[in-house]
Amino acid sequence: MAKCGKGKVARRVLCGEPTKPPHTDEVNPGTCSRVKVFCLAPGEPEPDWACWQHRYQLMWNPRQFQDCADAAATLQKEAEKDIPAATTQYQIKDVLFYSNGRSAGNYTCDVTVYWQVDWGNMVMTLPEYSWPNMSSADNAAVQSALNALRAHEEGHVNITEEYVTELSGGSIKISGSGATPTAARESCDVQLAIHEAQIAAELRKRQNEYDDRTHHGAKQSEIGGVDVKLVCPSE
């Protein structure tokens, strides 16, 4: 168990979403658990934490400012213009199984489609804020803002996972036919392309609705989260 400061005790807290895959413990990489240890004061409520596994790639975009006030003002202006502070390349991919046959004198083609999250191409890019002579309070303010921002971006990951779960409820079968095996396969591929475009459009629609409602995290509290905002120590 963790060693806690004076007046606090270590308590094991179960994650708030036990139906999802385990959370990846970032303090102890490689360790996954549905339980984390928190140092809490008597009567302090247990924190609510998500426990889905972070299998995306994480990248950083350095951004330098004159001081905290400059950073806060710049980020606020960008938020008002609906400019996202971070991005997540959400990706899904389909696994295809083809079969061929003959029916009523024609050649037939059937393709069974299974969808999955494309973790290899799922990339989250977060900003890395800095300015000269940062104090420990400055660093804490930045970390707090980044925690809220990352929580917003993980919402995009979560939406992707949930959509794939919906699609995985059953395989999707697409059929085509033609006078030759090649024509049958081409007929299948035309229908497959339409299906893939529809799936991509629906996922994009859900992601855009999430950003529209939360203003890229600036109004994350609209769905019960923490608003993304850099609050300088002097404020």
C-alpha atoms as a PDB file:
ATOM      1  CA  MET A   1       0.000   0.000   0.000  1.00  0.00           C
ATOM      2  CA  ALA A   2       1.073   3.588  -0.580  1.00  0.00           C
ATOM      3  CA  LYS A   3       2.645   5.677   2.184  1.00  0.00           C
ATOM      4  CA  CYS A   4       0.442   8.674   2.876  1.00  0.00           C
ATOM      5  CA  GLY A   5       1.111  12.005   4.539  1.00  0.00           C
ATOM      6  CA  LYS A   6      -0.065  13.051   7.960  1.00  0.00           C
ATOM      7  CA  GLY A   7      -3.811  12.830   8.466  1.00  0.00           C
ATOM      8  CA  LYS A   8      -4.399  10.631   5.416  1.00  0.00           C
ATOM      9  CA  VAL A   9      -4.751   6.887   4.978  1.00  0.00           C
ATOM     10  CA  ALA A  10      -4.315   4.656   1.934  1.00  0.00           C
ATOM     11  CA  ARG A  11      -7.556   3.296   0.524  1.00  0.00           C
ATOM     12  CA  ARG A  12      -8.082   0.926  -2.393  1.00  0.00           C
ATOM     13  CA  VAL A  13     -10.751   2.277  -4.763  1.00  0.00           C
ATOM     14  CA  LEU A  14     -12.487   0.265  -7.486  1.00  0.00           C
ATOM     15  CA  CYS A  15     -12.751   2.020 -10.838  1.00  0.00           C
ATOM     16  CA  GLY A  16     -16.080   3.529 -11.778  1.00  0.00           C
ATOM     17  CA  GLU A  17     -16.532   1.567 -15.011  1.00  0.00           C
ATOM     18  CA  PRO A  18     -15.874  -2.109 -14.176  1.00  0.00           C
ATOM     19  CA  THR A  19     -17.359  -3.299 -17.471  1.00  0.00           C
ATOM     20  CA  LYS A  20     -14.488  -1.759 -19.438  1.00  0.00           C
ATOM     21  CA  PRO A  21     -10.986  -3.258 -19.842  1.00  0.00           C
ATOM     22  CA  PRO A  22      -8.544  -2.522 -16.985  1.00  0.00           C
ATOM     23  CA  HIS A  23      -6.867   0.837 -16.598  1.00  0.00           C
ATOM     24  CA  THR A  24      -3.153   1.042 -17.358  1.00  0.00           C
ATOM     25  CA  ASP A  25      -1.385   2.292 -14.237  1.00  0.00           C
ATOM     26  CA  GLU A  26       0.800   5.167 -15.434  1.00  0.00           C
ATOM     27  CA  VAL A  27       2.778   5.291 -12.172  1.00  0.00           C
ATOM     28  CA  ASN A  28       3.727   1.642 -12.565  1.00  0.00           C
ATOM     29  CA  PRO A  29       3.791   1.021 -16.348  1.00  0.00           C
ATOM     30  CA  GLY A  30       2.750  -2.422 -17.420  1.00  0.00           C
ATOM     31  CA  THR A  31       0.556  -2.970 -14.387  1.00  0.00           C
ATOM     32  CA  CYS A  32      -3.166  -3.149 -15.053  1.00  0.00           C
ATOM     33  CA  SER A  33      -5.775  -3.221 -12.330  1.00  0.00           C
ATOM     34  CA  ARG A  34      -9.369  -2.320 -11.623  1.00  0.00           C
ATOM     35  CA  VAL A  35      -8.192  -0.966  -8.272  1.00  0.00           C
ATOM     36  CA  LYS A  36      -5.985   2.045  -7.501  1.00  0.00           C
ATOM     37  CA  VAL A  37      -4.688   3.273  -4.145  1.00  0.00           C
ATOM     38  CA  PHE A  38      -5.463   6.852  -3.075  1.00  0.00           C
ATOM     39  CA  CYS A  39      -4.352   8.778   0.015  1.00  0.00           C
ATOM     40  CA  LEU A  40      -7.548  10.169   1.547  1.00  0.00           C
ATOM     41  CA  ALA A  41      -8.378  12.129   4.671  1.00  0.00           C
ATOM     42  CA  PRO A  42     -11.095  10.842   7.036  1.00  0.00           C
ATOM     43  CA  GLY A  43     -14.490  11.521   5.496  1.00  0.00           C
ATOM     44  CA  GLU A  44     -13.020  12.446   2.100  1.00  0.00           C
ATOM     45  CA  PRO A  45     -15.102  10.853  -0.697  1.00  0.00           C
ATOM     46  CA  GLU A  46     -13.551   8.227  -2.905  1.00  0.00           C
ATOM     47  CA  PRO A  47     -12.425   9.652  -6.277  1.00  0.00           C
ATOM     48  CA  ASP A  48     -14.148   8.502  -9.435  1.00  0.00           C
ATOM     49  CA  TRP A  49     -11.683   7.233 -12.015  1.00  0.00           C
ATOM     50  CA  ALA A  50     -12.082   5.545 -15.384  1.00  0.00           C
ATOM     51  CA  CYS A  51     -10.508   2.173 -15.954  1.00  0.00           C
ATOM     52  CA  TRP A  52     -10.447   1.609 -19.676  1.00  0.00           C
ATOM     53  CA  GLN A  53      -7.051   0.592 -20.972  1.00  0.00           C
ATOM     54  CA  HIS A  54      -4.972   3.217 -22.761  1.00  0.00           C
ATOM     55  CA  ARG A  55      -3.597   1.455 -25.819  1.00  0.00           C
ATOM     56  CA  TYR A  56      -3.275   4.502 -28.042  1.00  0.00           C
ATOM     57  CA  GLN A  57      -0.009   6.206 -28.966  1.00  0.00           C
ATOM     58  CA  LEU A  58       0.662   9.389 -27.013  1.00  0.00           C
ATOM     59  CA  MET A  59       2.569  12.284 -28.593  1.00  0.00           C
ATOM     60  CA  TRP A  60       3.427  15.759 -27.304  1.00  0.00           C
ATOM     61  CA  ASN A  61       3.321  19.149 -29.012  1.00  0.00           C
ATOM     62  CA  PRO A  62       5.611  21.660 -27.199  1.00  0.00           C
ATOM     63  CA  ARG A  63       4.159  25.157 -26.776  1.00  0.00           C
ATOM     64  CA  GLN A  64       6.135  27.979 -25.169  1.00  0.00           C
ATOM     65  CA  PHE A  65       4.765  31.170 -23.626  1.00  0.00           C
ATOM     66  CA  GLN A  66       6.140  34.246 -21.875  1.00  0.00           C
ATOM     67  CA  ASP A  67       4.530  33.354 -18.554  1.00  0.00           C
ATOM     68  CA  CYS A  68       1.411  31.736 -17.117  1.00  0.00           C
ATOM     69  CA  ALA A  69      -0.761  34.781 -17.800  1.00  0.00           C
ATOM     70  CA  ASP A  70       0.292  34.772 -21.450  1.00  0.00           C
ATOM     71  CA  ALA A  71      -0.452  31.053 -21.714  1.00  0.00           C
ATOM     72  CA  ALA A  72      -3.859  31.372 -20.046  1.00  0.00           C
ATOM     73  CA  ALA A  73      -4.885  34.326 -22.235  1.00  0.00           C
ATOM     74  CA  THR A  74      -3.742  32.637 -25.446  1.00  0.00           C
ATOM     75  CA  LEU A  75      -5.464  29.361 -24.618  1.00  0.00           C
ATOM     76  CA  GLN A  76      -8.662  31.161 -23.645  1.00  0.00           C
ATOM     77  CA  LYS A  77      -8.757  33.006 -26.988  1.00  0.00           C
ATOM     78  CA  GLU A  78      -8.222  29.722 -28.827  1.00  0.00           C
ATOM     79  CA  ALA A  79     -11.013  28.078 -26.830  1.00  0.00           C
ATOM     80  CA  GLU A  80     -13.383  30.936 -27.694  1.00  0.00           C
ATOM     81  CA  LYS A  81     -12.591  30.340 -31.373  1.00  0.00           C
ATOM     82  CA  ASP A  82     -13.255  26.609 -30.881  1.00  0.00           C
ATOM     83  CA  ILE A  83      -9.648  25.735 -31.706  1.00  0.00           C
ATOM     84  CA  PRO A  84      -8.846  22.336 -30.168  1.00  0.00           C
ATOM     85  CA  ALA A  85      -5.897  22.228 -27.778  1.00  0.00           C
ATOM     86  CA  ALA A  86      -5.317  18.536 -28.486  1.00  0.00           C
ATOM     87  CA  THR A  87      -6.219  15.991 -31.143  1.00  0.00           C
ATOM     88  CA  THR A  88      -6.981  12.296 -31.254  1.00  0.00           C
ATOM     89  CA  GLN A  89      -6.742  10.330 -34.472  1.00  0.00           C
ATOM     90  CA  TYR A  90      -9.456   7.775 -33.786  1.00  0.00           C
ATOM     91  CA  GLN A  91      -9.193   4.815 -36.135  1.00  0.00           C
ATOM     92  CA  ILE A  92     -11.186   1.650 -36.735  1.00  0.00           C
ATOM     93  CA  LYS A  93     -10.581  -1.083 -39.277  1.00  0.00           C
ATOM     94  CA  ASP A  94     -12.532  -3.954 -40.756  1.00  0.00           C
ATOM     95  CA  VAL A  95     -11.502  -7.594 -41.055  1.00  0.00           C
ATOM     96  CA  LEU A  96     -12.898  -9.243 -44.178  1.00  0.00           C
ATOM     97  CA  PHE A  97     -13.698 -12.860 -45.040  1.00  0.00           C
ATOM     98  CA  TYR A  98     -14.625 -13.541 -48.667  1.00  0.00           C
ATOM     99  CA  SER A  99     -16.419 -16.579 -50.092  1.00  0.00           C
ATOM    100  CA  ASN A 100     -17.436 -17.331 -53.689  1.00  0.00           C
ATOM    101  CA  GLY A 101     -20.098 -19.533 -55.294  1.00  0.00           C
ATOM    102  CA  ARG A 102     -22.615 -20.050 -58.096  1.00  0.00           C
ATOM    103  CA  SER A 103     -26.329 -19.328 -58.052  1.00  0.00           C
ATOM    104  CA  ALA A 104     -28.887 -19.368 -60.884  1.00  0.00           C
ATOM    105  CA  GLY A 105     -26.133 -19.318 -63.474  1.00  0.00           C
ATOM    106  CA  ASN A 106     -24.329 -16.333 -61.954  1.00  0.00           C
ATOM    107  CA  TYR A 107     -21.188 -16.144 -59.888  1.00  0.00           C
ATOM    108  CA  THR A 108     -21.705 -14.915 -56.341  1.00  0.00           C
ATOM    109  CA  CYS A 109     -19.530 -13.225 -53.779  1.00  0.00           C
ATOM    110  CA  ASP A 110     -20.142 -12.916 -50.042  1.00  0.00           C
ATOM    111  CA  VAL A 111     -17.983 -10.921 -47.670  1.00  0.00           C
ATOM    112  CA  THR A 112     -18.340 -11.061 -43.893  1.00  0.00           C
ATOM    113  CA  VAL A 113     -17.197  -7.879 -42.142  1.00  0.00           C
ATOM    114  CA  TYR A 114     -15.932  -7.567 -38.573  1.00  0.00           C
ATOM    115  CA  TRP A 115     -14.949  -4.181 -37.116  1.00  0.00           C
ATOM    116  CA  GLN A 116     -12.253  -3.464 -34.513  1.00  0.00           C
ATOM    117  CA  VAL A 117     -10.356  -0.499 -33.075  1.00  0.00           C
ATOM    118  CA  ASP A 118      -7.175   0.165 -35.037  1.00  0.00           C
ATOM    119  CA  TRP A 119      -4.929   0.706 -32.009  1.00  0.00           C
ATOM    120  CA  GLY A 120      -1.788   0.819 -34.121  1.00  0.00           C
ATOM    121  CA  ASN A 121      -2.989   4.039 -35.757  1.00  0.00           C
ATOM    122  CA  MET A 122      -4.807   5.577 -32.781  1.00  0.00           C
ATOM    123  CA  VAL A 123      -2.726   8.637 -31.855  1.00  0.00           C
ATOM    124  CA  MET A 124      -3.438  11.238 -29.177  1.00  0.00           C
ATOM    125  CA  THR A 125      -1.433  14.468 -29.354  1.00  0.00           C
ATOM    126  CA  LEU A 126      -1.386  16.636 -26.242  1.00  0.00           C
ATOM    127  CA  PRO A 127       0.236  20.059 -25.771  1.00  0.00           C
ATOM    128  CA  GLU A 128       3.260  20.549 -23.536  1.00  0.00           C
ATOM    129  CA  TYR A 129       3.018  24.031 -21.994  1.00  0.00           C
ATOM    130  CA  SER A 130       6.100  25.804 -20.672  1.00  0.00           C
ATOM    131  CA  TRP A 131       7.554  29.241 -19.972  1.00  0.00           C
ATOM    132  CA  PRO A 132      10.734  30.536 -18.315  1.00  0.00           C
ATOM    133  CA  ASN A 133      11.278  30.061 -14.575  1.00  0.00           C
ATOM    134  CA  MET A 134       8.197  27.953 -13.950  1.00  0.00           C
ATOM    135  CA  SER A 135       7.419  27.505 -10.261  1.00  0.00           C
ATOM    136  CA  SER A 136       6.066  24.347  -8.667  1.00  0.00           C
ATOM    137  CA  ALA A 137       2.669  26.078  -8.541  1.00  0.00           C
ATOM    138  CA  ASP A 138       2.913  26.802 -12.280  1.00  0.00           C
ATOM    139  CA  ASN A 139       3.713  23.156 -12.966  1.00  0.00           C
ATOM    140  CA  ALA A 140       0.766  22.065 -10.844  1.00  0.00           C
ATOM    141  CA  ALA A 141      -1.564  24.412 -12.753  1.00  0.00           C
ATOM    142  CA  VAL A 142      -0.341  23.060 -16.083  1.00  0.00           C
ATOM    143  CA  GLN A 143      -0.721  19.464 -14.923  1.00  0.00           C
ATOM    144  CA  SER A 144      -4.268  20.132 -13.761  1.00  0.00           C
ATOM    145  CA  ALA A 145      -5.205  21.603 -17.151  1.00  0.00           C
ATOM    146  CA  LEU A 146      -3.558  18.724 -19.006  1.00  0.00           C
ATOM    147  CA  ASN A 147      -5.329  16.146 -16.852  1.00  0.00           C
ATOM    148  CA  ALA A 148      -8.676  17.671 -17.814  1.00  0.00           C
ATOM    149  CA  LEU A 149      -7.633  17.887 -21.466  1.00  0.00           C
ATOM    150  CA  ARG A 150      -6.504  14.281 -21.570  1.00  0.00           C
ATOM    151  CA  ALA A 151      -9.762  13.185 -19.952  1.00  0.00           C
ATOM    152  CA  HIS A 152     -11.618  14.975 -22.761  1.00  0.00           C
ATOM    153  CA  GLU A 153      -9.490  13.320 -25.436  1.00  0.00           C
ATOM    154  CA  GLU A 154      -9.986   9.920 -23.845  1.00  0.00           C
ATOM    155  CA  GLY A 155     -13.666  10.553 -24.420  1.00  0.00           C
ATOM    156  CA  HIS A 156     -12.900  10.283 -28.148  1.00  0.00           C
ATOM    157  CA  VAL A 157     -11.175   6.957 -27.524  1.00  0.00           C
ATOM    158  CA  ASN A 158     -14.143   5.809 -25.490  1.00  0.00           C
ATOM    159  CA  ILE A 159     -16.628   6.776 -28.215  1.00  0.00           C
ATOM    160  CA  THR A 160     -14.590   4.781 -30.731  1.00  0.00           C
ATOM    161  CA  GLU A 161     -14.523   1.715 -28.493  1.00  0.00           C
ATOM    162  CA  GLU A 162     -18.242   1.921 -27.793  1.00  0.00           C
ATOM    163  CA  TYR A 163     -19.095   2.226 -31.487  1.00  0.00           C
ATOM    164  CA  VAL A 164     -16.960  -0.789 -32.356  1.00  0.00           C
ATOM    165  CA  THR A 165     -18.702  -2.706 -29.572  1.00  0.00           C
ATOM    166  CA  GLU A 166     -22.035  -1.862 -31.207  1.00  0.00           C
ATOM    167  CA  LEU A 167     -20.768  -3.045 -34.583  1.00  0.00           C
ATOM    168  CA  SER A 168     -19.318  -6.201 -33.064  1.00  0.00           C
ATOM    169  CA  GLY A 169     -22.739  -7.260 -31.812  1.00  0.00           C
ATOM    170  CA  GLY A 170     -22.963  -9.366 -34.967  1.00  0.00           C
ATOM    171  CA  SER A 171     -21.023  -9.790 -38.176  1.00  0.00           C
ATOM    172  CA  ILE A 172     -22.177  -7.902 -41.248  1.00  0.00           C
ATOM    173  CA  LYS A 173     -22.638  -9.819 -44.486  1.00  0.00           C
ATOM    174  CA  ILE A 174     -22.422  -8.164 -47.895  1.00  0.00           C
ATOM    175  CA  SER A 175     -23.281  -9.978 -51.115  1.00  0.00           C
ATOM    176  CA  GLY A 176     -22.709  -9.416 -54.816  1.00  0.00           C
ATOM    177  CA  SER A 177     -23.048 -11.282 -58.095  1.00  0.00           C
ATOM    178  CA  GLY A 178     -21.855 -11.132 -61.686  1.00  0.00           C
ATOM    179  CA  ALA A 179     -21.390 -12.989 -64.949  1.00  0.00           C
ATOM    180  CA  THR A 180     -17.785 -13.809 -64.006  1.00  0.00           C
ATOM    181  CA  PRO A 181     -15.934 -14.363 -60.705  1.00  0.00           C
ATOM    182  CA  THR A 182     -14.202 -11.023 -61.205  1.00  0.00           C
ATOM    183  CA  ALA A 183     -17.494  -9.224 -61.781  1.00  0.00           C
ATOM    184  CA  ALA A 184     -18.955 -10.830 -58.662  1.00  0.00           C
ATOM    185  CA  ARG A 185     -15.979  -9.706 -56.584  1.00  0.00           C
ATOM    186  CA  GLU A 186     -16.229  -6.175 -57.992  1.00  0.00           C
ATOM    187  CA  SER A 187     -19.926  -6.110 -57.102  1.00  0.00           C
ATOM    188  CA  CYS A 188     -19.030  -7.103 -53.535  1.00  0.00           C
ATOM    189  CA  ASP A 189     -16.342  -4.459 -53.321  1.00  0.00           C
ATOM    190  CA  VAL A 190     -18.713  -1.703 -54.471  1.00  0.00           C
ATOM    191  CA  GLN A 191     -21.172  -2.601 -51.705  1.00  0.00           C
ATOM    192  CA  LEU A 192     -18.322  -2.901 -49.212  1.00  0.00           C
ATOM    193  CA  ALA A 193     -17.049   0.586 -50.064  1.00  0.00           C
ATOM    194  CA  ILE A 194     -20.533   2.012 -49.454  1.00  0.00           C
ATOM    195  CA  HIS A 195     -20.738   0.212 -46.107  1.00  0.00           C
ATOM    196  CA  GLU A 196     -17.277   1.405 -45.025  1.00  0.00           C
ATOM    197  CA  ALA A 197     -18.134   5.001 -45.937  1.00  0.00           C
ATOM    198  CA  GLN A 198     -21.349   4.811 -43.891  1.00  0.00           C
ATOM    199  CA  ILE A 199     -19.499   3.451 -40.851  1.00  0.00           C
ATOM    200  CA  ALA A 200     -16.798   6.135 -41.088  1.00  0.00           C
ATOM    201  CA  ALA A 201     -19.423   8.873 -41.452  1.00  0.00           C
ATOM    202  CA  GLU A 202     -21.352   7.678 -38.393  1.00  0.00           C
ATOM    203  CA  LEU A 203     -18.220   7.553 -36.230  1.00  0.00           C
ATOM    204  CA  ARG A 204     -17.189  11.017 -37.405  1.00  0.00           C
ATOM    205  CA  LYS A 205     -20.709  12.299 -36.611  1.00  0.00           C
ATOM    206  CA  ARG A 206     -20.537  10.967 -33.046  1.00  0.00           C
ATOM    207  CA  GLN A 207     -17.092  12.431 -32.477  1.00  0.00           C
ATOM    208  CA  ASN A 208     -18.143  15.830 -33.839  1.00  0.00           C
ATOM    209  CA  GLU A 209     -21.262  15.863 -31.662  1.00  0.00           C
ATOM    210  CA  TYR A 210     -19.077  15.190 -28.612  1.00  0.00           C
ATOM    211  CA  ASP A 211     -16.771  18.100 -29.486  1.00  0.00           C
ATOM    212  CA  ASP A 212     -19.690  20.390 -30.297  1.00  0.00           C
ATOM    213  CA  ARG A 213     -21.299  19.698 -26.936  1.00  0.00           C
ATOM    214  CA  THR A 214     -18.096  20.068 -24.897  1.00  0.00           C
ATOM    215  CA  HIS A 215     -16.415  22.750 -27.049  1.00  0.00           C
ATOM    216  CA  HIS A 216     -13.320  20.548 -27.290  1.00  0.00           C
ATOM    217  CA  GLY A 217     -13.255  20.195 -23.503  1.00  0.00           C
ATOM    218  CA  ALA A 218     -13.694  23.869 -22.581  1.00  0.00           C
ATOM    219  CA  LYS A 219     -17.226  23.001 -21.443  1.00  0.00           C
ATOM    220  CA  GLN A 220     -16.628  19.388 -20.416  1.00  0.00           C
ATOM    221  CA  SER A 221     -18.828  19.972 -17.373  1.00  0.00           C
ATOM    222  CA  GLU A 222     -21.803  19.867 -19.765  1.00  0.00           C
ATOM    223  CA  ILE A 223     -21.484  16.075 -19.599  1.00  0.00           C
ATOM    224  CA  GLY A 224     -20.283  15.862 -16.012  1.00  0.00           C
ATOM    225  CA  GLY A 225     -16.532  16.299 -16.510  1.00  0.00           C
ATOM    226  CA  VAL A 226     -13.992  18.990 -15.643  1.00  0.00           C
ATOM    227  CA  ASP A 227     -13.687  22.020 -17.930  1.00  0.00           C
ATOM    228  CA  VAL A 228     -10.313  22.380 -19.623  1.00  0.00           C
ATOM    229  CA  LYS A 229      -8.803  25.654 -18.438  1.00  0.00           C
ATOM    230  CA  LEU A 230      -5.385  26.830 -17.327  1.00  0.00           C
ATOM    231  CA  VAL A 231      -5.823  28.623 -14.004  1.00  0.00           C
ATOM    232  CA  CYS A 232      -2.680  30.486 -12.979  1.00  0.00           C
ATOM    233  CA  PRO A 233      -1.600  30.299  -9.305  1.00  0.00           C
ATOM    234  CA  SER A 234      -2.260  34.006  -8.707  1.00  0.00           C
ATOM    235  CA  GLU A 235      -5.877  33.745  -9.896  1.00  0.00           C
END
